[in-house]
Amino acid sequence: MVAQGLDISPLKEMASEITSRQFNCVRLTWSVNMFTRYTYETIGDVLDGLDIADVKSGVEKHNPKILKMTVTKVFQTVINCLGSKGIMVILDNHISQSRWCCSLDNGNGFFGDRNFNPNEWLQGLSFVAVQFTCNPYMSFMHF
């Protein structure tokens, strides 16, 4: 539900590595459920619930402050760190449920799919739009 690699390297180092390779943008995927169901859960709680202790211990080693942050706060922190390095962030609402994707039958992509709720999707889109509307390094896509 958050940027991959936070269990492998400090966030600031990752952002510096991106700019050192002369990239100027990254695509961050997000799920609707991140902002409609897990908004107030900490990353530590989410990782505990997923029973992935190795990821949690990696985050604790490389980015310990984020374990106590909410899902929303971590997402904002990643985006702000990237923006501070002049990296544009393209937000991609890639999936509805917070889980690994993609298959032809996950039922979780778009209108008519069994796990896609249009009202919850609009709630998530609205939340993200409000959170990041003033960030000059943001771009947004859905498909």
Protein backbone atom coordinates (compact mmCIF):
# COMPACT_ATOMS: atom_id res chain seq x y z
CA MET A 1 0.00 0.00 0.00
CA VAL A 2 3.00 2.30 0.12
CA ALA A 3 6.05 2.75 -2.06
CA GLN A 4 8.06 -0.41 -2.43
CA GLY A 5 11.60 -0.37 -1.15
CA LEU A 6 11.02 1.32 2.19
CA ASP A 7 12.13 -1.95 3.76
CA ILE A 8 15.36 -1.93 1.74
CA SER A 9 16.65 1.64 1.73
CA PRO A 10 16.06 4.97 3.49
CA LEU A 11 13.50 7.11 1.67
CA LYS A 12 15.86 10.07 1.22
CA GLU A 13 18.49 7.80 -0.32
CA MET A 14 15.93 6.39 -2.76
CA ALA A 15 14.89 9.90 -3.80
CA SER A 16 18.54 10.90 -4.25
CA GLU A 17 19.19 7.78 -6.31
CA ILE A 18 16.29 8.66 -8.62
CA THR A 19 17.68 12.14 -9.28
CA SER A 20 21.25 10.88 -9.61
CA ARG A 21 20.05 8.72 -12.49
CA GLN A 22 18.48 11.85 -14.00
CA PHE A 23 14.88 10.72 -13.70
CA ASN A 24 12.41 13.50 -13.03
CA CYS A 25 9.21 11.58 -12.28
CA VAL A 26 7.92 8.41 -10.68
CA ARG A 27 4.57 6.65 -10.79
CA LEU A 28 3.11 5.72 -7.43
CA THR A 29 0.21 3.32 -7.48
CA TRP A 30 -2.45 3.46 -4.82
CA SER A 31 -5.55 1.52 -3.93
CA VAL A 32 -8.92 3.04 -3.15
CA ASN A 33 -8.99 1.13 0.15
CA MET A 34 -5.81 2.90 1.30
CA PHE A 35 -7.85 6.05 1.78
CA THR A 36 -11.28 4.63 2.58
CA ARG A 37 -10.52 1.75 4.96
CA TYR A 38 -6.95 2.05 6.24
CA THR A 39 -6.63 5.82 6.64
CA TYR A 40 -6.08 5.74 10.40
CA GLU A 41 -4.10 2.51 10.68
CA THR A 42 -0.36 2.75 11.16
CA ILE A 43 1.99 1.06 8.74
CA GLY A 44 3.22 -1.08 11.63
CA ASP A 45 -0.33 -2.31 12.29
CA VAL A 46 -0.93 -3.01 8.61
CA LEU A 47 2.30 -4.99 8.29
CA ASP A 48 1.46 -6.94 11.44
CA GLY A 49 -1.95 -7.77 9.99
CA LEU A 50 -0.35 -9.05 6.80
CA ASP A 51 2.10 -11.18 8.79
CA ILE A 52 5.17 -10.07 6.86
CA ALA A 53 7.69 -9.68 9.64
CA ASP A 54 10.67 -9.46 7.27
CA VAL A 55 9.21 -6.38 5.59
CA LYS A 56 8.41 -4.80 8.94
CA SER A 57 11.93 -5.41 10.24
CA GLY A 58 13.36 -3.89 7.05
CA VAL A 59 11.22 -0.78 7.44
CA GLU A 60 12.24 -0.59 11.10
CA LYS A 61 15.89 -0.68 10.05
CA HIS A 62 15.79 1.76 7.13
CA ASN A 63 12.77 4.02 7.80
CA PRO A 64 11.82 3.53 11.46
CA LYS A 65 9.77 6.72 11.78
CA ILE A 66 7.18 5.54 9.31
CA LEU A 67 6.10 2.49 11.31
CA LYS A 68 4.09 4.72 13.64
CA MET A 69 2.68 6.86 10.82
CA THR A 70 -0.73 6.27 9.32
CA VAL A 71 -1.00 4.90 5.80
CA THR A 72 -2.04 8.36 4.60
CA LYS A 73 0.86 10.08 6.35
CA VAL A 74 3.42 7.67 4.88
CA PHE A 75 2.02 8.25 1.39
CA GLN A 76 2.25 12.03 1.96
CA THR A 77 5.78 11.68 3.35
CA VAL A 78 6.96 9.75 0.30
CA ILE A 79 5.40 12.28 -2.07
CA ASN A 80 6.83 15.25 -0.16
CA CYS A 81 10.31 13.70 -0.08
CA LEU A 82 10.24 13.09 -3.82
CA GLY A 83 8.95 16.62 -4.44
CA SER A 84 11.73 18.08 -2.30
CA LYS A 85 14.17 16.58 -4.82
CA GLY A 86 12.22 18.03 -7.76
CA ILE A 87 10.72 14.69 -8.71
CA MET A 88 7.21 14.82 -10.15
CA VAL A 89 4.87 12.14 -8.81
CA ILE A 90 2.23 10.58 -11.04
CA LEU A 91 -0.48 9.06 -8.86
CA ASP A 92 -2.07 6.01 -10.43
CA ASN A 93 -5.22 4.60 -8.86
CA HIS A 94 -4.26 1.13 -9.96
CA ILE A 95 -6.62 -1.06 -7.97
CA SER A 96 -9.47 -0.92 -5.47
CA GLN A 97 -8.39 -3.45 -2.88
CA SER A 98 -5.10 -3.13 -1.08
CA ARG A 99 -3.39 -6.23 -2.37
CA TRP A 100 -1.14 -7.47 -5.13
CA CYS A 101 -2.57 -7.19 -8.58
CA CYS A 102 -3.07 -7.94 -11.52
CA SER A 103 -5.02 -10.69 -13.14
CA LEU A 104 -7.94 -10.89 -15.49
CA ASP A 105 -10.20 -12.21 -12.75
CA ASN A 106 -9.28 -10.28 -9.60
CA GLY A 107 -12.63 -8.47 -9.78
CA ASN A 108 -11.13 -5.29 -8.59
CA GLY A 109 -10.34 -3.01 -11.48
CA PHE A 110 -13.28 -1.08 -12.79
CA PHE A 111 -17.04 -0.64 -13.11
CA GLY A 112 -18.95 -3.88 -13.04
CA ASP A 113 -16.19 -5.86 -11.33
CA ARG A 114 -17.34 -7.70 -8.20
CA ASN A 115 -15.00 -5.85 -5.80
CA PHE A 116 -15.32 -2.40 -7.35
CA ASN A 117 -17.61 -0.02 -5.48
CA PRO A 118 -18.18 3.22 -7.44
CA ASN A 119 -19.18 5.18 -4.32
CA GLU A 120 -16.07 4.10 -2.44
CA TRP A 121 -13.96 4.85 -5.53
CA LEU A 122 -15.33 8.41 -5.63
CA GLN A 123 -14.66 8.77 -1.90
CA GLY A 124 -11.04 7.68 -2.41
CA LEU A 125 -10.54 9.94 -5.43
CA SER A 126 -11.94 12.90 -3.51
CA PHE A 127 -9.71 12.23 -0.53
CA VAL A 128 -6.58 12.05 -2.69
CA ALA A 129 -7.53 15.16 -4.66
CA VAL A 130 -7.97 17.18 -1.47
CA GLN A 131 -4.73 15.87 0.07
CA PHE A 132 -2.53 16.71 -2.89
CA THR A 133 -4.24 19.54 -4.75
CA CYS A 134 -1.66 22.15 -3.69
CA ASN A 135 1.42 20.05 -4.40
CA PRO A 136 3.18 21.42 -7.50
CA TYR A 137 4.93 18.09 -8.10
CA MET A 138 1.74 16.06 -8.46
CA SER A 139 0.05 14.66 -11.50
CA PHE A 140 -2.84 12.24 -11.48
CA MET A 141 -4.10 9.41 -13.61
CA HIS A 142 -6.62 6.67 -13.09
CA PHE A 143 -6.37 4.11 -15.86
